[in-house]
Amino acid sequence: MPFREWGAMTWEEAKSLDSARCVAILPVGAIEAHGPHLPLATDVIIAEAMARAGAERLAARGYAPLVLPSFAYTAAPFAAGFPGTLSMAPETVTRVLLDLARALAARGVAALAVANAHLDPAHLGSLAAAISAAKEGEGLPIVAPDLTRKPWAGRLGEEFMTGACHAGRYEGSVVMAARPDLVREEIRRALAPNPASLSTAIRGGLRTFEEAGGPRAYFGWPADATAAEGQATIATLGDILAEAVVEALAGGART
């Protein structure tokens, strides 16, 4: 097995780890509305796929990756108006990440890598605050590549680059590859494109999916999603995570 799951180990197995080579990987997502066709846990599913793919690549480079149990609760104000969404205060998320980093540091782990699939600005701010505080000496290094920024965003496909990528082709493809049983296929195939750009809406000061032009909590081209594209996207996400970790541990982090 190229990597291990933290939660599956016994304490004696954890004690025997070569912690200096260990990179703890935390899948992070939100429980929020993802259209009428994808589950509330879509971000978590994508984050877990990213974490596993990144762990495989880090193991191939000689690291000892450990995938942590997923963190599924975070700031999600853009989707707060939709039933099922569970949103937390951004400062709570920052505190949890820092406390986790501190706990991992006590175990001698080299870094905490965040496989993040939730792109709400409030959540990204929480991650940025945690990374900044960790750099100032709290816990251990936190590596969390921001998929909305260069150089990562350009590797995630045309739809992603338009900003119309919530529960559309990009996310739908990954869920179809990782958890096809959770996709409402008949609904997905019938959905019309919604090219409204979330990134443009955010720059314009809009704060909810409804304001941004997503009354059913989806953006993009969900009917164009495929499992094959999802598998390719998962591989790319794994590459991004591994590259960010390697660069950060070498002293040149791009997060």
Protein backbone atom coordinates (compact mmCIF):
# COMPACT_ATOMS: atom_id res chain seq x y z
CA MET A 1 0.00 0.00 0.00
CA PRO A 2 1.58 3.32 -1.05
CA PHE A 3 0.12 5.29 1.87
CA ARG A 4 -1.65 4.74 5.17
CA GLU A 5 -4.78 6.18 6.75
CA TRP A 6 -4.20 7.80 10.12
CA GLY A 7 -7.53 6.71 11.53
CA ALA A 8 -7.01 3.06 10.59
CA MET A 9 -3.78 2.67 12.55
CA THR A 10 -3.45 1.44 16.11
CA TRP A 11 -1.49 3.55 18.57
CA GLU A 12 1.37 1.05 18.52
CA GLU A 13 1.54 1.30 14.73
CA ALA A 14 1.56 5.08 15.04
CA LYS A 15 4.37 4.86 17.57
CA SER A 16 6.54 2.94 15.11
CA LEU A 17 6.25 5.51 12.32
CA ASP A 18 9.31 7.31 10.98
CA SER A 19 7.67 10.64 11.72
CA ALA A 20 10.40 12.75 10.09
CA ARG A 21 9.29 11.38 6.71
CA CYS A 22 5.57 11.67 7.46
CA VAL A 23 3.30 14.17 5.75
CA ALA A 24 -0.20 14.27 7.17
CA ILE A 25 -2.81 14.97 4.48
CA LEU A 26 -6.15 16.44 5.53
CA PRO A 27 -9.03 16.28 3.01
CA VAL A 28 -11.10 19.45 3.49
CA GLY A 29 -14.48 20.22 2.04
CA ALA A 30 -17.86 21.62 2.98
CA ILE A 31 -21.33 20.26 3.45
CA GLU A 32 -23.21 22.53 1.07
CA ALA A 33 -25.63 22.64 -1.85
CA HIS A 34 -24.22 21.37 -5.15
CA GLY A 35 -27.13 21.67 -7.53
CA PRO A 36 -30.06 19.24 -7.71
CA HIS A 37 -27.82 16.43 -8.98
CA LEU A 38 -24.75 16.20 -6.72
CA PRO A 39 -24.58 15.35 -2.99
CA LEU A 40 -24.05 17.87 -0.22
CA ALA A 41 -20.69 16.19 0.44
CA THR A 42 -19.37 16.84 -3.10
CA ASP A 43 -16.41 18.91 -1.88
CA VAL A 44 -15.47 16.25 0.64
CA ILE A 45 -15.56 13.54 -2.04
CA ILE A 46 -13.29 15.61 -4.29
CA ALA A 47 -10.93 16.40 -1.40
CA GLU A 48 -10.64 12.73 -0.47
CA ALA A 49 -9.85 11.77 -4.06
CA MET A 50 -7.24 14.55 -4.21
CA ALA A 51 -5.72 13.42 -0.91
CA ARG A 52 -5.38 9.79 -2.01
CA ALA A 53 -3.88 10.74 -5.37
CA GLY A 54 -1.47 13.16 -3.72
CA ALA A 55 -0.49 10.55 -1.15
CA GLU A 56 0.34 8.04 -3.89
CA ARG A 57 2.61 10.58 -5.58
CA LEU A 58 4.32 11.57 -2.34
CA ALA A 59 4.93 7.93 -1.48
CA ALA A 60 6.59 7.46 -4.87
CA ARG A 61 8.93 10.33 -3.96
CA GLY A 62 10.03 8.68 -0.73
CA TYR A 63 7.72 10.39 1.76
CA ALA A 64 5.47 8.54 4.20
CA PRO A 65 2.04 10.13 3.61
CA LEU A 66 -0.74 9.61 6.11
CA VAL A 67 -4.28 10.52 5.08
CA LEU A 68 -6.23 11.97 8.00
CA PRO A 69 -9.99 11.61 8.51
CA SER A 70 -11.75 14.29 6.48
CA PHE A 71 -12.69 17.73 7.83
CA ALA A 72 -16.13 18.35 6.39
CA TYR A 73 -17.35 21.46 8.20
CA THR A 74 -16.21 24.94 7.25
CA ALA A 75 -17.28 28.42 6.22
CA ALA A 76 -19.80 28.18 3.37
CA PRO A 77 -21.72 31.48 3.31
CA PHE A 78 -22.25 31.46 -0.47
CA ALA A 79 -24.50 28.42 -0.14
CA ALA A 80 -26.00 29.27 3.26
CA GLY A 81 -29.43 30.01 1.81
CA PHE A 82 -29.90 26.43 0.58
CA PRO A 83 -31.25 23.62 2.78
CA GLY A 84 -28.60 21.12 3.84
CA THR A 85 -25.70 23.57 3.87
CA LEU A 86 -23.79 23.71 7.16
CA SER A 87 -21.63 26.82 7.50
CA MET A 88 -19.17 27.60 10.29
CA ALA A 89 -17.45 30.82 11.34
CA PRO A 90 -14.16 31.33 9.44
CA GLU A 91 -12.20 31.91 12.65
CA THR A 92 -13.38 28.55 13.97
CA VAL A 93 -11.93 26.83 10.92
CA THR A 94 -8.60 28.62 11.31
CA ARG A 95 -8.41 27.63 14.96
CA VAL A 96 -9.17 23.97 14.24
CA LEU A 97 -6.48 23.80 11.56
CA LEU A 98 -3.91 25.40 13.86
CA ASP A 99 -4.82 23.11 16.75
CA LEU A 100 -4.50 20.11 14.45
CA ALA A 101 -1.13 21.35 13.17
CA ARG A 102 0.05 21.73 16.75
CA ALA A 103 -1.08 18.20 17.63
CA LEU A 104 0.70 16.78 14.59
CA ALA A 105 3.85 18.73 15.41
CA ALA A 106 3.87 17.07 18.82
CA ARG A 107 4.04 13.74 16.97
CA GLY A 108 7.03 14.89 14.92
CA VAL A 109 5.21 15.00 11.58
CA ALA A 110 7.02 17.03 8.89
CA ALA A 111 4.04 18.95 7.51
CA LEU A 112 0.27 19.19 7.30
CA ALA A 113 -0.92 19.17 3.70
CA VAL A 114 -4.50 20.30 3.07
CA ALA A 115 -6.27 18.70 0.12
CA ASN A 116 -8.84 21.46 -0.22
CA ALA A 117 -11.80 21.28 -2.58
CA HIS A 118 -13.94 24.10 -1.15
CA LEU A 119 -13.42 27.46 -2.85
CA ASP A 120 -15.74 29.82 -0.98
CA PRO A 121 -13.74 33.04 -0.33
CA ALA A 122 -14.51 32.90 3.40
CA HIS A 123 -13.08 29.41 3.61
CA LEU A 124 -10.01 30.29 1.55
CA GLY A 125 -9.45 33.17 3.96
CA SER A 126 -9.53 30.73 6.86
CA LEU A 127 -6.88 28.60 5.21
CA ALA A 128 -4.71 31.61 4.44
CA ALA A 129 -4.91 32.76 8.05
CA ALA A 130 -3.90 29.32 9.30
CA ILE A 131 -0.96 29.14 6.89
CA SER A 132 0.21 32.59 7.96
CA ALA A 133 -0.02 31.77 11.67
CA ALA A 134 1.81 28.47 11.16
CA LYS A 135 4.64 30.33 9.45
CA GLU A 136 4.93 32.52 12.53
CA GLY A 137 5.68 29.48 14.65
CA GLU A 138 2.37 27.88 15.58
CA GLY A 139 2.27 24.13 15.03
CA LEU A 140 4.08 22.95 11.91
CA PRO A 141 4.07 23.99 8.23
CA ILE A 142 0.63 23.97 6.60
CA VAL A 143 0.63 23.45 2.83
CA ALA A 144 -2.64 24.21 1.06
CA PRO A 145 -2.41 24.93 -2.67
CA ASP A 146 -5.05 27.52 -3.58
CA LEU A 147 -6.64 26.08 -6.72
CA THR A 148 -8.08 29.47 -7.65
CA ARG A 149 -4.62 30.96 -8.21
CA LYS A 150 -1.69 30.53 -10.53
CA PRO A 151 -0.04 28.21 -11.31
CA TRP A 152 -2.66 25.67 -10.26
CA ALA A 153 -5.90 27.03 -11.74
CA GLY A 154 -4.73 26.78 -15.34
CA ARG A 155 -4.29 23.04 -15.01
CA LEU A 156 -7.91 22.29 -14.11
CA GLY A 157 -9.71 22.75 -17.40
CA GLU A 158 -11.61 25.31 -19.42
CA GLU A 159 -14.74 25.37 -17.26
CA PHE A 160 -12.69 25.89 -14.11
CA MET A 161 -10.95 28.86 -15.72
CA THR A 162 -14.28 30.54 -16.55
CA GLY A 163 -15.21 30.62 -12.88
CA ALA A 164 -18.50 28.85 -13.64
CA CYS A 165 -17.42 25.66 -11.92
CA HIS A 166 -19.62 24.85 -8.97
CA ALA A 167 -21.43 21.53 -9.45
CA GLY A 168 -20.75 21.76 -13.18
CA ARG A 169 -18.54 19.74 -15.48
CA TYR A 170 -15.42 19.99 -13.29
CA GLU A 171 -16.94 18.86 -10.00
CA GLY A 172 -19.53 16.58 -11.56
CA SER A 173 -16.84 14.66 -13.44
CA VAL A 174 -14.86 14.00 -10.27
CA VAL A 175 -17.91 12.77 -8.36
CA MET A 176 -18.86 10.56 -11.31
CA ALA A 177 -15.40 9.02 -11.14
CA ALA A 178 -15.17 8.69 -7.36
CA ARG A 179 -18.77 8.11 -6.23
CA PRO A 180 -21.03 7.52 -9.24
CA ASP A 181 -23.68 6.07 -6.95
CA LEU A 182 -24.30 9.54 -5.50
CA VAL A 183 -24.92 11.34 -8.81
CA ARG A 184 -28.57 11.89 -9.79
CA GLU A 185 -27.87 11.03 -13.41
CA GLU A 186 -31.28 11.69 -14.93
CA ILE A 187 -31.35 15.16 -13.40
CA ARG A 188 -27.71 15.88 -14.32
CA ARG A 189 -28.18 15.04 -17.99
CA ALA A 190 -31.19 17.34 -18.22
CA LEU A 191 -29.59 20.43 -16.64
CA ALA A 192 -29.08 23.44 -18.90
CA PRO A 193 -25.69 25.17 -18.86
CA ASN A 194 -25.25 28.04 -16.44
CA PRO A 195 -22.24 30.08 -17.62
CA ALA A 196 -22.51 32.68 -14.83
CA SER A 197 -19.00 33.14 -13.43
CA LEU A 198 -18.60 32.88 -9.68
CA SER A 199 -15.16 34.46 -9.82
CA THR A 200 -16.61 37.50 -11.61
CA ALA A 201 -19.44 37.67 -9.08
CA ILE A 202 -16.99 37.56 -6.19
CA ARG A 203 -14.91 40.36 -7.67
CA GLY A 204 -18.12 42.34 -8.03
CA GLY A 205 -18.91 42.00 -4.34
CA LEU A 206 -21.72 39.46 -4.61
CA ARG A 207 -21.99 37.10 -1.65
CA THR A 208 -24.41 34.28 -2.41
CA PHE A 209 -25.09 31.75 -5.14
CA GLU A 210 -28.48 33.37 -5.67
CA GLU A 211 -26.94 36.81 -6.22
CA ALA A 212 -24.34 35.30 -8.54
CA GLY A 213 -26.99 33.78 -10.82
CA GLY A 214 -27.25 30.25 -9.44
CA PRO A 215 -30.83 29.78 -8.15
CA ARG A 216 -30.36 25.99 -8.10
CA ALA A 217 -26.83 26.14 -6.65
CA TYR A 218 -24.97 25.07 -9.78
CA PHE A 219 -22.74 26.84 -12.30
CA GLY A 220 -21.13 25.55 -15.46
CA TRP A 221 -21.98 22.65 -17.76
CA PRO A 222 -23.06 19.67 -15.60
CA ALA A 223 -24.49 17.68 -18.52
CA ASP A 224 -21.01 17.57 -20.10
CA ALA A 225 -19.38 15.84 -17.12
CA THR A 226 -17.82 12.39 -17.62
CA ALA A 227 -16.17 9.87 -15.35
CA ALA A 228 -13.14 9.76 -17.67
CA GLU A 229 -12.60 13.48 -17.25
CA GLY A 230 -13.04 13.02 -13.52
CA GLN A 231 -10.25 10.45 -13.37
CA ALA A 232 -7.94 12.80 -15.26
CA THR A 233 -8.86 15.67 -12.94
CA ILE A 234 -8.18 13.57 -9.86
CA ALA A 235 -4.72 12.78 -11.23
CA THR A 236 -4.07 16.48 -11.79
CA LEU A 237 -5.25 17.36 -8.30
CA GLY A 238 -2.92 14.72 -6.88
CA ASP A 239 -0.03 16.16 -8.88
CA ILE A 240 -0.78 19.66 -7.60
CA LEU A 241 -0.89 18.56 -3.96
CA ALA A 242 2.33 16.56 -4.19
CA GLU A 243 4.17 19.33 -6.02
CA ALA A 244 3.07 21.92 -3.45
CA VAL A 245 4.25 19.72 -0.57
CA VAL A 246 7.62 18.95 -2.12
CA GLU A 247 8.21 22.60 -2.91
CA ALA A 248 7.16 23.73 0.56
CA LEU A 249 9.44 21.27 2.31
CA ALA A 250 12.26 22.41 0.05
CA GLY A 251 11.67 25.98 1.23
CA GLY A 252 9.87 27.53 -1.72
CA ALA A 253 6.18 27.19 -0.96
CA ARG A 254 3.56 28.28 -3.49
CA THR A 255 0.23 28.17 -1.68
